[in-house]
Amino acid sequence: MQLSAEMNQDLVTICEEKSLSYQQMHSGAGHDAMNMATLCPVGLIFVPSVDGLSHHPNEFTELGDILAGIDVLEEAVVQCARVAD
């Protein structure tokens, strides 16, 4: 599945405008995004987990990182809504 290059660039721009650090990553995971990609542009926002643990009982993400991810998501949704008008 190929994610939207335009959506990815929009997420990068949002992070830069908010002075948030980011890293572009490849993911081979079968997220719901792979099914949605046939319907609309798709991007993924990952937030860091302590010690890099993901999908593990000891997975933990700091509240500040969760809130930063929510902030990026909110701005992306607002931007998409403006384009759809």
N, C-alpha and C. Protein backbone atom coordinates (compact mmCIF):
# COMPACT_ATOMS: atom_id res chain seq x y z
N MET A 1 0.85 -1.18 0.00
CA MET A 1 0.00 0.00 0.00
C MET A 1 0.88 1.23 0.00
N GLN A 2 0.54 2.18 -0.83
CA GLN A 2 1.28 3.43 -0.92
C GLN A 2 0.47 4.52 -0.23
N LEU A 3 1.09 5.20 0.71
CA LEU A 3 0.43 6.32 1.37
C LEU A 3 0.51 7.54 0.46
N SER A 4 -0.34 8.51 0.73
CA SER A 4 -0.39 9.72 -0.07
C SER A 4 0.85 10.59 0.17
N ALA A 5 1.61 10.84 -0.89
CA ALA A 5 2.79 11.70 -0.77
C ALA A 5 2.37 13.11 -0.36
N GLU A 6 1.24 13.57 -0.87
CA GLU A 6 0.76 14.91 -0.52
C GLU A 6 0.36 14.97 0.96
N MET A 7 -0.32 13.95 1.44
CA MET A 7 -0.71 13.90 2.85
C MET A 7 0.53 13.85 3.73
N ASN A 8 1.51 13.05 3.32
CA ASN A 8 2.75 12.95 4.08
C ASN A 8 3.42 14.32 4.17
N GLN A 9 3.48 15.04 3.04
CA GLN A 9 4.10 16.37 3.05
C GLN A 9 3.31 17.33 3.92
N ASP A 10 2.00 17.23 3.90
CA ASP A 10 1.17 18.07 4.77
C ASP A 10 1.49 17.81 6.24
N LEU A 11 1.68 16.55 6.61
CA LEU A 11 2.01 16.22 8.01
C LEU A 11 3.39 16.76 8.39
N VAL A 12 4.34 16.67 7.46
CA VAL A 12 5.67 17.23 7.70
C VAL A 12 5.57 18.74 7.92
N THR A 13 4.82 19.40 7.06
CA THR A 13 4.66 20.86 7.17
C THR A 13 4.02 21.24 8.50
N ILE A 14 3.01 20.51 8.91
CA ILE A 14 2.35 20.78 10.20
C ILE A 14 3.36 20.64 11.33
N CYS A 15 4.14 19.57 11.32
CA CYS A 15 5.15 19.38 12.38
C CYS A 15 6.14 20.53 12.39
N GLU A 16 6.59 20.94 11.21
CA GLU A 16 7.56 22.03 11.14
C GLU A 16 6.94 23.34 11.63
N GLU A 17 5.71 23.62 11.24
CA GLU A 17 5.04 24.85 11.68
C GLU A 17 4.84 24.86 13.20
N LYS A 18 4.68 23.69 13.80
CA LYS A 18 4.46 23.59 15.24
C LYS A 18 5.77 23.34 15.99
N SER A 19 6.89 23.38 15.26
CA SER A 19 8.23 23.14 15.84
C SER A 19 8.30 21.80 16.57
N LEU A 20 7.66 20.79 15.98
CA LEU A 20 7.69 19.44 16.54
C LEU A 20 8.74 18.62 15.80
N SER A 21 9.51 17.85 16.53
CA SER A 21 10.45 16.96 15.86
C SER A 21 9.66 15.83 15.21
N TYR A 22 10.18 15.33 14.11
CA TYR A 22 9.49 14.24 13.41
C TYR A 22 10.53 13.40 12.68
N GLN A 23 10.10 12.24 12.29
CA GLN A 23 10.93 11.34 11.51
C GLN A 23 10.02 10.65 10.51
N GLN A 24 10.37 10.67 9.26
CA GLN A 24 9.58 9.95 8.28
C GLN A 24 10.01 8.48 8.33
N MET A 25 9.02 7.60 8.32
CA MET A 25 9.28 6.18 8.49
C MET A 25 8.51 5.37 7.46
N HIS A 26 9.02 4.20 7.18
CA HIS A 26 8.28 3.21 6.40
C HIS A 26 7.66 2.24 7.40
N SER A 27 6.45 1.82 7.13
CA SER A 27 5.80 0.85 7.99
C SER A 27 5.25 -0.28 7.13
N GLY A 28 5.58 -1.48 7.51
CA GLY A 28 5.05 -2.64 6.80
C GLY A 28 3.82 -3.21 7.48
N ALA A 29 3.39 -2.54 8.54
CA ALA A 29 2.25 -3.05 9.31
C ALA A 29 0.95 -2.89 8.51
N GLY A 30 0.01 -3.76 8.76
CA GLY A 30 -1.29 -3.72 8.07
C GLY A 30 -2.29 -2.86 8.81
N HIS A 31 -2.03 -1.58 8.90
CA HIS A 31 -2.94 -0.66 9.59
C HIS A 31 -4.24 -0.52 8.80
N ASP A 32 -5.26 0.00 9.46
CA ASP A 32 -6.53 0.27 8.77
C ASP A 32 -6.31 1.17 7.56
N ALA A 33 -5.23 1.93 7.59
CA ALA A 33 -4.93 2.84 6.48
C ALA A 33 -4.84 2.11 5.15
N MET A 34 -4.36 0.88 5.16
CA MET A 34 -4.22 0.17 3.89
C MET A 34 -5.58 -0.08 3.23
N ASN A 35 -6.62 -0.21 4.03
CA ASN A 35 -7.96 -0.38 3.47
C ASN A 35 -8.56 0.96 3.05
N MET A 36 -8.27 2.00 3.80
CA MET A 36 -8.80 3.33 3.49
C MET A 36 -8.12 3.96 2.28
N ALA A 37 -6.89 3.53 1.99
CA ALA A 37 -6.13 4.14 0.90
C ALA A 37 -6.81 3.97 -0.46
N THR A 38 -7.71 3.01 -0.58
CA THR A 38 -8.44 2.85 -1.84
C THR A 38 -9.58 3.86 -1.95
N LEU A 39 -9.92 4.51 -0.84
CA LEU A 39 -11.05 5.45 -0.82
C LEU A 39 -10.64 6.91 -0.79
N CYS A 40 -9.48 7.20 -0.18
CA CYS A 40 -9.09 8.59 0.03
C CYS A 40 -7.59 8.67 0.34
N PRO A 41 -7.03 9.88 0.28
CA PRO A 41 -5.62 10.03 0.66
C PRO A 41 -5.40 9.62 2.12
N VAL A 42 -4.30 8.93 2.37
CA VAL A 42 -4.03 8.39 3.70
C VAL A 42 -2.61 8.73 4.13
N GLY A 43 -2.48 9.03 5.41
CA GLY A 43 -1.17 9.20 6.03
C GLY A 43 -1.22 8.59 7.42
N LEU A 44 -0.07 8.33 7.99
CA LEU A 44 0.00 7.77 9.34
C LEU A 44 0.79 8.71 10.23
N ILE A 45 0.33 8.86 11.46
CA ILE A 45 1.04 9.64 12.47
C ILE A 45 1.41 8.67 13.58
N PHE A 46 2.70 8.50 13.79
CA PHE A 46 3.18 7.67 14.88
C PHE A 46 3.71 8.58 15.98
N VAL A 47 3.50 8.19 17.21
CA VAL A 47 4.10 8.91 18.34
C VAL A 47 5.06 7.95 19.03
N PRO A 48 6.14 8.48 19.61
CA PRO A 48 7.16 7.59 20.19
C PRO A 48 6.67 6.86 21.44
N SER A 49 7.09 5.63 21.55
CA SER A 49 6.85 4.84 22.76
C SER A 49 8.16 4.73 23.52
N VAL A 50 8.08 4.78 24.84
CA VAL A 50 9.27 4.66 25.67
C VAL A 50 9.98 3.34 25.35
N ASP A 51 11.28 3.42 25.16
CA ASP A 51 12.12 2.27 24.83
C ASP A 51 11.74 1.62 23.50
N GLY A 52 10.95 2.29 22.69
CA GLY A 52 10.58 1.78 21.38
C GLY A 52 9.62 0.61 21.40
N LEU A 53 9.03 0.32 22.56
CA LEU A 53 8.11 -0.82 22.65
C LEU A 53 6.77 -0.47 22.02
N SER A 54 6.31 -1.32 21.12
CA SER A 54 5.05 -1.11 20.44
C SER A 54 4.31 -2.44 20.37
N HIS A 55 3.00 -2.41 20.57
CA HIS A 55 2.19 -3.63 20.56
C HIS A 55 2.74 -4.64 21.58
N HIS A 56 2.99 -4.14 22.75
CA HIS A 56 3.62 -4.93 23.82
C HIS A 56 2.97 -4.52 25.14
N PRO A 57 2.80 -5.43 26.09
CA PRO A 57 2.17 -5.08 27.37
C PRO A 57 2.86 -3.93 28.11
N ASN A 58 4.16 -3.74 27.90
CA ASN A 58 4.88 -2.67 28.57
C ASN A 58 4.97 -1.39 27.75
N GLU A 59 4.22 -1.35 26.64
CA GLU A 59 4.22 -0.14 25.81
C GLU A 59 3.72 1.05 26.63
N PHE A 60 4.42 2.17 26.52
CA PHE A 60 4.03 3.39 27.22
C PHE A 60 4.45 4.59 26.39
N THR A 61 3.55 5.55 26.26
CA THR A 61 3.84 6.79 25.56
C THR A 61 3.56 7.94 26.50
N GLU A 62 4.50 8.86 26.57
CA GLU A 62 4.35 10.04 27.43
C GLU A 62 3.15 10.87 26.97
N LEU A 63 2.43 11.45 27.94
CA LEU A 63 1.25 12.25 27.63
C LEU A 63 1.58 13.38 26.66
N GLY A 64 2.71 14.03 26.84
CA GLY A 64 3.09 15.12 25.95
C GLY A 64 3.21 14.67 24.51
N ASP A 65 3.72 13.46 24.29
CA ASP A 65 3.84 12.93 22.94
C ASP A 65 2.48 12.59 22.36
N ILE A 66 1.60 12.07 23.19
CA ILE A 66 0.22 11.78 22.75
C ILE A 66 -0.48 13.07 22.34
N LEU A 67 -0.35 14.10 23.18
CA LEU A 67 -0.99 15.38 22.89
C LEU A 67 -0.43 16.01 21.63
N ALA A 68 0.88 15.88 21.40
CA ALA A 68 1.48 16.41 20.18
C ALA A 68 0.91 15.68 18.96
N GLY A 69 0.75 14.37 19.05
CA GLY A 69 0.16 13.61 17.95
C GLY A 69 -1.27 14.03 17.67
N ILE A 70 -2.02 14.27 18.74
CA ILE A 70 -3.41 14.73 18.59
C ILE A 70 -3.43 16.10 17.92
N ASP A 71 -2.50 16.97 18.31
CA ASP A 71 -2.43 18.31 17.73
C ASP A 71 -2.16 18.25 16.23
N VAL A 72 -1.25 17.37 15.83
CA VAL A 72 -0.96 17.21 14.40
C VAL A 72 -2.18 16.65 13.67
N LEU A 73 -2.82 15.65 14.25
CA LEU A 73 -4.01 15.06 13.64
C LEU A 73 -5.12 16.10 13.49
N GLU A 74 -5.35 16.87 14.54
CA GLU A 74 -6.40 17.89 14.48
C GLU A 74 -6.14 18.87 13.34
N GLU A 75 -4.92 19.36 13.23
CA GLU A 75 -4.60 20.32 12.17
C GLU A 75 -4.75 19.68 10.80
N ALA A 76 -4.36 18.42 10.66
CA ALA A 76 -4.51 17.74 9.37
C ALA A 76 -5.98 17.61 8.99
N VAL A 77 -6.82 17.29 9.95
CA VAL A 77 -8.27 17.16 9.68
C VAL A 77 -8.85 18.52 9.28
N VAL A 78 -8.45 19.57 9.99
CA VAL A 78 -8.94 20.91 9.67
C VAL A 78 -8.52 21.29 8.25
N GLN A 79 -7.27 21.02 7.91
CA GLN A 79 -6.80 21.35 6.56
C GLN A 79 -7.56 20.56 5.50
N CYS A 80 -7.81 19.29 5.75
CA CYS A 80 -8.58 18.48 4.78
C CYS A 80 -10.00 18.99 4.64
N ALA A 81 -10.58 19.42 5.75
CA ALA A 81 -11.95 19.95 5.70
C ALA A 81 -12.00 21.24 4.88
N ARG A 82 -10.97 22.06 4.98
CA ARG A 82 -10.92 23.29 4.18
C ARG A 82 -10.84 22.98 2.69
N VAL A 83 -10.06 21.99 2.34
CA VAL A 83 -9.90 21.60 0.93
C VAL A 83 -11.21 21.05 0.39
N ALA A 84 -11.96 20.35 1.24
CA ALA A 84 -13.21 19.72 0.80
C ALA A 84 -14.35 20.72 0.62
N ASP A 85 -14.20 21.94 1.15
CA ASP A 85 -15.28 22.93 1.03
C ASP A 85 -15.55 23.35 -0.38
